[in-house]
């Protein structure tokens, strides 16, 4: 079992049981079953892949915002503009997972009919792990791309004020006999979700992840949340974050930069923007040829001469796939803090059956 499953601070829960419980949470606050399942599938997949920061630990804040009306349980999504290869979707402030899944479905349909599908989204909310949406395209033998902007967390190079999000993006490509390559990153050294989870568990964070409100390096997760997260690669991370915001925020008519509303401690909307894309591989070459070329690239990298102390070279997404296989067997290791939070939420909403 994973090391994190050892001790009294971790509770292993089977994915299907956890999913059923979380589905009830969303249904209790008015989310229709089909849409609730879309959101839960995204969250459970994140936990299965080891991306615990974007899994069920986020449900409490989603439920809070659904109950307050800041997020709509039954959004009236509509297409505002459309061409054969593109669409602009108004998410009507629905759950970001549901809105983004719909956008990627449209992108896939358009890519299948032609060369590419590009769908911009405005008026959305926090949409969880982006790899999930990129993988939707891969399952259809397409290349998937997903971008989103976020609440401002970082300063521009030379600045000392939160002006731009850590704006993540994901790209996924299918392979043949090898596993798909799935790259998902935020433009900060560490995802803010990791700092939130550390604060929830009372743990320190590594130096270099963030600075406090006085501009000093900190290991205190709560102080980091009150300060600034640092971009990956200095000015390069800032530049990447900026361009993701251009594509997902400025281009789509969504909020951008300091205009994006926070997920926490915010009675209002977020107005987040996304960009979802699918590329039809067969517009460039036969699918089998592409997959064979991907396999060759993957094997070349895996067989690269290893540095001293390295036992294996991994491709993006490969470690997460290994974690997923293990967690499907052994269960998802919820921290005691997250487990207790979910149980308390279930009791408050009147759910009789608690997490097993």
Protein backbone atom coordinates (compact mmCIF):
# COMPACT_ATOMS: atom_id res chain seq x y z
CA UNK A 1 0.00 0.00 0.00
CA UNK A 2 1.01 3.59 -0.42
CA UNK A 3 3.00 5.05 2.42
CA UNK A 4 0.30 7.66 2.84
CA UNK A 5 -2.19 4.93 3.72
CA UNK A 6 -0.26 4.06 6.85
CA UNK A 7 -1.15 5.49 10.23
CA UNK A 8 -4.25 6.98 11.75
CA UNK A 9 -4.26 10.15 9.66
CA UNK A 10 -5.30 8.42 6.44
CA UNK A 11 -8.52 6.58 5.58
CA UNK A 12 -8.53 4.36 2.45
CA UNK A 13 -11.87 4.44 0.60
CA UNK A 14 -12.80 2.53 -2.55
CA UNK A 15 -13.37 4.86 -5.50
CA UNK A 16 -16.86 3.59 -6.38
CA UNK A 17 -18.13 4.00 -2.82
CA UNK A 18 -16.62 7.45 -2.49
CA UNK A 19 -18.13 8.41 -5.82
CA UNK A 20 -21.61 7.31 -4.80
CA UNK A 21 -21.39 9.31 -1.58
CA UNK A 22 -20.17 12.44 -3.36
CA UNK A 23 -22.92 12.07 -5.96
CA UNK A 24 -25.49 12.32 -3.16
CA UNK A 25 -23.84 15.49 -1.85
CA UNK A 26 -24.30 17.27 -5.17
CA UNK A 27 -27.82 15.94 -5.64
CA UNK A 28 -28.80 17.19 -2.18
CA UNK A 29 -28.05 20.77 -3.24
CA UNK A 30 -30.02 20.55 -6.46
CA UNK A 31 -27.51 19.39 -9.08
CA UNK A 32 -29.24 16.98 -11.51
CA UNK A 33 -27.92 13.41 -11.37
CA UNK A 34 -26.34 13.46 -14.83
CA UNK A 35 -24.45 16.70 -14.19
CA UNK A 36 -23.51 15.59 -10.68
CA UNK A 37 -21.95 12.45 -12.15
CA UNK A 38 -19.87 14.53 -14.58
CA UNK A 39 -18.47 16.56 -11.68
CA UNK A 40 -17.89 13.54 -9.44
CA UNK A 41 -16.14 11.58 -12.20
CA UNK A 42 -13.70 14.47 -12.59
CA UNK A 43 -13.01 14.68 -8.84
CA UNK A 44 -12.65 10.92 -8.31
CA UNK A 45 -10.35 10.63 -11.33
CA UNK A 46 -8.13 13.34 -9.86
CA UNK A 47 -7.88 11.46 -6.56
CA UNK A 48 -7.25 8.16 -8.33
CA UNK A 49 -4.39 9.72 -10.31
CA UNK A 50 -2.83 11.14 -7.14
CA UNK A 51 -3.85 14.73 -7.87
CA UNK A 52 -5.42 14.99 -4.41
CA UNK A 53 -5.48 18.79 -4.52
CA UNK A 54 -8.18 18.71 -7.21
CA UNK A 55 -10.19 15.78 -5.91
CA UNK A 56 -12.91 15.46 -3.29
CA UNK A 57 -11.09 17.87 -0.99
CA UNK A 58 -12.77 20.58 -3.12
CA UNK A 59 -16.34 19.38 -2.61
CA UNK A 60 -17.01 21.36 0.57
CA UNK A 61 -16.37 24.71 -1.13
CA UNK A 62 -18.35 23.65 -4.21
CA UNK A 63 -21.34 22.75 -2.03
CA UNK A 64 -21.03 26.03 -0.12
CA UNK A 65 -21.07 28.04 -3.34
CA UNK A 66 -23.93 26.01 -4.79
CA UNK A 67 -25.99 26.66 -1.67
CA UNK A 68 -25.23 30.38 -1.75
CA UNK A 69 -26.16 30.66 -5.42
CA UNK A 70 -22.69 31.81 -6.50
CA UNK A 71 -22.58 28.60 -8.57
CA UNK A 72 -25.74 27.50 -10.36
CA UNK A 73 -26.91 23.92 -9.88
CA UNK A 74 -28.87 24.06 -13.15
CA UNK A 75 -27.04 26.47 -15.46
CA UNK A 76 -28.57 27.42 -18.79
CA UNK A 77 -25.48 27.02 -20.94
CA UNK A 78 -25.74 28.46 -24.44
CA UNK A 79 -23.59 28.91 -27.51
CA UNK A 80 -23.09 32.61 -28.23
CA UNK A 81 -21.01 32.37 -31.42
CA UNK A 82 -20.24 29.43 -33.68
CA UNK A 83 -18.33 28.46 -36.83
CA UNK A 84 -17.61 25.00 -38.29
CA UNK A 85 -14.43 24.80 -36.21
CA UNK A 86 -15.19 26.94 -33.16
CA UNK A 87 -17.76 27.94 -30.58
CA UNK A 88 -18.11 30.36 -27.70
CA UNK A 89 -20.02 28.85 -24.77
CA UNK A 90 -21.62 30.81 -21.93
CA UNK A 91 -21.33 28.57 -18.87
CA UNK A 92 -23.93 30.55 -16.88
CA UNK A 93 -21.82 30.11 -13.73
CA UNK A 94 -22.38 26.36 -13.53
CA UNK A 95 -19.96 23.86 -12.04
CA UNK A 96 -16.73 24.23 -14.00
CA UNK A 97 -16.38 20.47 -14.47
CA UNK A 98 -19.81 20.29 -16.10
CA UNK A 99 -19.28 23.37 -18.26
CA UNK A 100 -15.82 22.25 -19.41
CA UNK A 101 -16.99 18.73 -20.23
CA UNK A 102 -19.73 20.18 -22.43
CA UNK A 103 -17.21 22.45 -24.14
CA UNK A 104 -14.87 19.55 -24.87
CA UNK A 105 -17.77 17.49 -26.22
CA UNK A 106 -18.47 20.28 -28.70
CA UNK A 107 -14.77 20.54 -29.58
CA UNK A 108 -14.60 16.79 -30.22
CA UNK A 109 -17.67 16.90 -32.47
CA UNK A 110 -16.16 19.70 -34.53
CA UNK A 111 -12.75 18.03 -34.77
CA UNK A 112 -14.37 14.80 -35.91
CA UNK A 113 -16.22 16.69 -38.64
CA UNK A 114 -13.12 18.52 -39.84
CA UNK A 115 -9.64 19.35 -38.63
CA UNK A 116 -9.97 20.99 -35.24
CA UNK A 117 -12.51 22.04 -32.65
CA UNK A 118 -11.90 25.14 -30.51
CA UNK A 119 -14.38 26.10 -27.81
CA UNK A 120 -13.98 29.15 -25.63
CA UNK A 121 -15.92 29.45 -22.39
CA UNK A 122 -16.97 32.48 -20.35
CA UNK A 123 -18.92 32.77 -17.10
CA UNK A 124 -17.57 29.53 -15.65
CA UNK A 125 -16.15 28.44 -12.31
CA UNK A 126 -13.25 26.38 -10.96
CA UNK A 127 -13.13 23.29 -13.17
CA UNK A 128 -10.75 20.94 -11.37
CA UNK A 129 -8.02 18.86 -13.00
CA UNK A 130 -7.54 19.81 -16.65
CA UNK A 131 -6.03 16.47 -17.67
CA UNK A 132 -9.53 15.01 -17.43
CA UNK A 133 -10.76 17.16 -20.32
CA UNK A 134 -7.68 16.63 -22.48
CA UNK A 135 -8.11 12.88 -21.96
CA UNK A 136 -11.71 13.10 -23.19
CA UNK A 137 -10.25 13.85 -26.62
CA UNK A 138 -7.60 11.13 -26.36
CA UNK A 139 -10.32 8.54 -25.74
CA UNK A 140 -11.68 9.55 -29.16
CA UNK A 141 -8.20 9.21 -30.77
CA UNK A 142 -7.77 12.98 -30.92
CA UNK A 143 -5.21 15.30 -29.36
CA UNK A 144 -6.76 17.21 -26.47
CA UNK A 145 -5.86 20.64 -25.11
CA UNK A 146 -7.40 22.40 -22.10
CA UNK A 147 -6.57 25.81 -20.63
CA UNK A 148 -8.11 27.85 -17.84
CA UNK A 149 -7.43 31.04 -15.98
CA UNK A 150 -7.67 31.27 -12.20
CA UNK A 151 -7.96 33.73 -9.37
CA UNK A 152 -4.85 36.00 -9.29
CA UNK A 153 -2.14 34.32 -7.23
CA UNK A 154 1.11 35.60 -8.71
CA UNK A 155 2.74 38.94 -9.37
CA UNK A 156 4.22 39.88 -12.75
CA UNK A 157 8.00 39.78 -12.81
CA UNK A 158 9.18 42.74 -10.75
CA UNK A 159 5.78 43.25 -9.14
CA UNK A 160 4.62 42.69 -5.57
CA UNK A 161 0.86 42.33 -6.04
CA UNK A 162 -1.31 39.39 -7.14
CA UNK A 163 -2.31 40.26 -10.70
CA UNK A 164 -2.45 36.97 -12.57
CA UNK A 165 -3.45 33.37 -11.89
CA UNK A 166 -1.18 30.36 -12.07
CA UNK A 167 -3.34 29.52 -15.10
CA UNK A 168 -2.87 25.79 -15.81
CA UNK A 169 -3.00 23.97 -19.11
CA UNK A 170 -3.06 20.33 -20.20
CA UNK A 171 -2.16 18.60 -23.46
CA UNK A 172 -2.77 14.90 -24.09
CA UNK A 173 -1.90 12.75 -27.10
CA UNK A 174 -2.79 9.11 -27.82
CA UNK A 175 -0.25 6.41 -28.56
CA UNK A 176 -0.46 2.88 -29.95
CA UNK A 177 0.87 0.10 -27.77
CA UNK A 178 2.27 2.61 -25.29
CA UNK A 179 0.25 4.70 -22.85
CA UNK A 180 -1.00 8.18 -23.82
CA UNK A 181 1.20 11.14 -22.98
CA UNK A 182 -0.67 13.50 -20.64
CA UNK A 183 0.95 16.78 -19.60
CA UNK A 184 -0.87 18.93 -17.04
CA UNK A 185 0.77 21.83 -15.24
CA UNK A 186 0.08 25.10 -13.50
CA UNK A 187 2.38 28.02 -14.25
CA UNK A 188 3.44 28.29 -10.60
CA UNK A 189 6.12 26.25 -8.86
CA UNK A 190 3.33 24.43 -7.01
CA UNK A 191 -0.41 24.35 -7.52
CA UNK A 192 -2.32 26.46 -5.02
CA UNK A 193 -4.37 23.36 -4.23
CA UNK A 194 -1.27 21.75 -2.73
CA UNK A 195 -0.89 24.68 -0.38
CA UNK A 196 -4.59 24.62 0.52
CA UNK A 197 -4.37 20.89 1.27
CA UNK A 198 -1.22 21.39 3.37
CA UNK A 199 -2.98 24.11 5.37
CA UNK A 200 -5.98 21.82 5.88
CA UNK A 201 -3.69 19.04 7.15
CA UNK A 202 -1.54 21.39 9.25
CA UNK A 203 1.59 20.60 7.26
CA UNK A 204 4.49 22.81 6.16
CA UNK A 205 5.25 23.56 2.52
CA UNK A 206 8.73 23.55 0.94
CA UNK A 207 10.65 26.82 0.86
CA UNK A 208 10.56 28.32 -2.61
CA UNK A 209 6.88 27.67 -3.27
CA UNK A 210 5.57 30.98 -1.98
CA UNK A 211 6.21 34.20 -0.10
CA UNK A 212 4.15 35.67 2.73
CA UNK A 213 2.34 39.03 2.67
CA UNK A 214 5.61 40.75 3.66
CA UNK A 215 7.42 39.25 0.66
CA UNK A 216 9.43 36.77 2.72
CA UNK A 217 9.91 33.08 1.84
CA UNK A 218 7.68 30.90 4.00
CA UNK A 219 7.07 27.28 4.94
CA UNK A 220 3.75 28.18 6.58
CA UNK A 221 0.92 27.10 4.26
CA UNK A 222 -1.57 29.58 5.69
CA UNK A 223 0.91 32.44 5.39
CA UNK A 224 1.51 31.39 1.78
CA UNK A 225 -2.21 31.57 1.04
CA UNK A 226 -2.19 35.14 2.34
CA UNK A 227 0.87 36.00 0.26
CA UNK A 228 1.95 35.15 -3.29
CA UNK A 229 2.70 31.90 -5.08
CA UNK A 230 5.89 31.98 -7.15
CA UNK A 231 5.87 31.28 -10.90
CA UNK A 232 7.74 28.29 -12.28
CA UNK A 233 10.94 29.38 -14.02
CA UNK A 234 10.66 32.99 -12.91
CA UNK A 235 9.77 35.31 -15.79
CA UNK A 236 9.09 32.34 -18.08
CA UNK A 237 6.32 31.07 -15.82
CA UNK A 238 4.88 34.56 -15.68
CA UNK A 239 4.90 34.72 -19.48
CA UNK A 240 3.22 31.33 -19.80
CA UNK A 241 0.53 32.30 -17.29
CA UNK A 242 -0.08 35.55 -19.15
CA UNK A 243 -0.61 33.84 -22.50
CA UNK A 244 -2.92 31.20 -21.01
CA UNK A 245 -4.99 34.10 -19.64
CA UNK A 246 -5.02 35.72 -23.09
CA UNK A 247 -6.43 32.53 -24.64
CA UNK A 248 -8.84 31.50 -21.88
CA UNK A 249 -9.82 34.89 -20.45
CA UNK A 250 -9.26 37.82 -22.80
CA UNK A 251 -10.21 35.96 -26.00
CA UNK A 252 -13.37 34.38 -24.57
CA UNK A 253 -14.85 37.49 -22.99
CA UNK A 254 -14.39 36.01 -19.51
CA UNK A 255 -12.91 37.79 -16.53
CA UNK A 256 -9.12 37.91 -16.61
CA UNK A 257 -6.15 38.94 -14.46
CA UNK A 258 -7.26 40.57 -11.20
CA UNK A 259 -10.87 40.49 -12.41
CA UNK A 260 -11.23 36.75 -11.77
CA UNK A 261 -13.20 36.13 -8.59
CA UNK A 262 -11.75 33.87 -5.87
CA UNK A 263 -13.11 30.41 -5.11
CA UNK A 264 -12.94 30.89 -1.34
CA UNK A 265 -14.41 33.67 0.81
CA UNK A 266 -16.29 35.13 -2.13
CA UNK A 267 -20.09 35.53 -2.19
CA UNK A 268 -19.99 36.53 -5.85
CA UNK A 269 -19.27 34.81 -9.15
CA UNK A 270 -15.80 33.93 -10.45
CA UNK A 271 -16.35 34.57 -14.15
CA UNK A 272 -13.59 32.15 -15.09
CA UNK A 273 -12.69 31.45 -18.72
CA UNK A 274 -11.55 28.24 -20.40
CA UNK A 275 -10.37 27.15 -23.82
CA UNK A 276 -10.92 23.53 -24.86
CA UNK A 277 -9.54 22.14 -28.10
CA UNK A 278 -9.44 18.86 -29.99
CA UNK A 279 -7.21 18.14 -33.00
CA UNK A 280 -8.09 15.54 -35.63
CA UNK A 281 -4.88 13.60 -36.19
CA UNK A 282 -6.10 12.17 -39.49
CA UNK A 283 -6.10 15.67 -40.97
CA UNK A 284 -2.30 15.35 -40.91
CA UNK A 285 -1.56 11.63 -41.28
CA UNK A 286 -3.21 8.23 -40.84
CA UNK A 287 -4.01 7.57 -37.18
CA UNK A 288 -2.05 4.30 -37.09
CA UNK A 289 1.04 6.07 -38.43
CA UNK A 290 0.77 8.76 -35.75
CA UNK A 291 0.38 6.18 -33.01
CA UNK A 292 3.41 4.25 -34.27
CA UNK A 293 5.46 7.45 -34.29
CA UNK A 294 4.29 8.25 -30.75
CA UNK A 295 5.28 4.75 -29.64
CA UNK A 296 8.74 5.24 -31.12
CA UNK A 297 9.18 8.60 -29.39
CA UNK A 298 8.06 7.15 -26.06
CA UNK A 299 10.39 4.14 -26.33
CA UNK A 300 13.32 6.34 -27.35
CA UNK A 301 12.81 8.46 -24.23
CA UNK A 302 12.27 5.45 -21.96
CA UNK A 303 15.48 3.86 -23.26
CA UNK A 304 17.56 7.02 -22.84
CA UNK A 305 20.87 6.63 -21.01
CA UNK A 306 20.03 7.21 -17.35
CA UNK A 307 21.72 9.62 -15.00
CA UNK A 308 23.39 8.18 -11.92
CA UNK A 309 20.81 7.19 -9.34
CA UNK A 310 17.91 7.12 -11.83
CA UNK A 311 16.13 3.78 -12.16
CA UNK A 312 13.44 4.73 -14.67
CA UNK A 313 12.57 7.58 -17.02
CA UNK A 314 8.92 8.58 -17.01
CA UNK A 315 6.72 10.27 -19.59
CA UNK A 316 4.22 12.96 -18.52
CA UNK A 317 1.19 11.27 -16.98
CA UNK A 318 2.89 7.90 -16.55
CA UNK A 319 3.39 8.20 -12.80
CA UNK A 320 -0.26 9.21 -12.39
CA UNK A 321 -1.38 6.16 -14.37
CA UNK A 322 0.61 3.93 -12.04
CA UNK A 323 -0.92 5.59 -9.00
CA UNK A 324 -4.38 5.14 -10.50
CA UNK A 325 -3.88 1.40 -10.98
CA UNK A 326 -2.73 1.05 -7.37
CA UNK A 327 -5.52 3.18 -5.92
CA UNK A 328 -8.16 1.26 -7.84
CA UNK A 329 -6.92 -1.84 -6.02
CA UNK A 330 -6.20 -0.40 -2.60
CA UNK A 331 -8.54 2.55 -2.33
CA UNK A 332 -8.11 6.32 -2.35
CA UNK A 333 -6.12 7.45 0.72
CA UNK A 334 -8.15 10.34 2.09
CA UNK A 335 -6.50 12.40 4.77
CA UNK A 336 -8.36 12.21 8.07
CA UNK A 337 -9.11 15.94 7.74
CA UNK A 338 -10.76 15.52 4.33
CA UNK A 339 -12.59 12.35 5.40
CA UNK A 340 -14.01 14.03 8.49
CA UNK A 341 -14.97 17.10 6.47
CA UNK A 342 -16.92 15.00 3.98
CA UNK A 343 -18.65 13.01 6.71
CA UNK A 344 -19.67 16.21 8.49
CA UNK A 345 -20.95 17.63 5.22
CA UNK A 346 -22.99 14.50 4.61
CA UNK A 347 -24.57 14.69 8.06
CA UNK A 348 -25.40 18.36 7.58
CA UNK A 349 -27.12 17.60 4.28
CA UNK A 350 -29.07 14.71 5.79
CA UNK A 351 -27.32 11.85 4.03
CA UNK A 352 -27.87 8.75 6.15
CA UNK A 353 -25.28 6.50 4.54
CA UNK A 354 -21.85 7.84 5.41
CA UNK A 355 -18.59 7.06 3.64
CA UNK A 356 -17.75 3.36 4.27
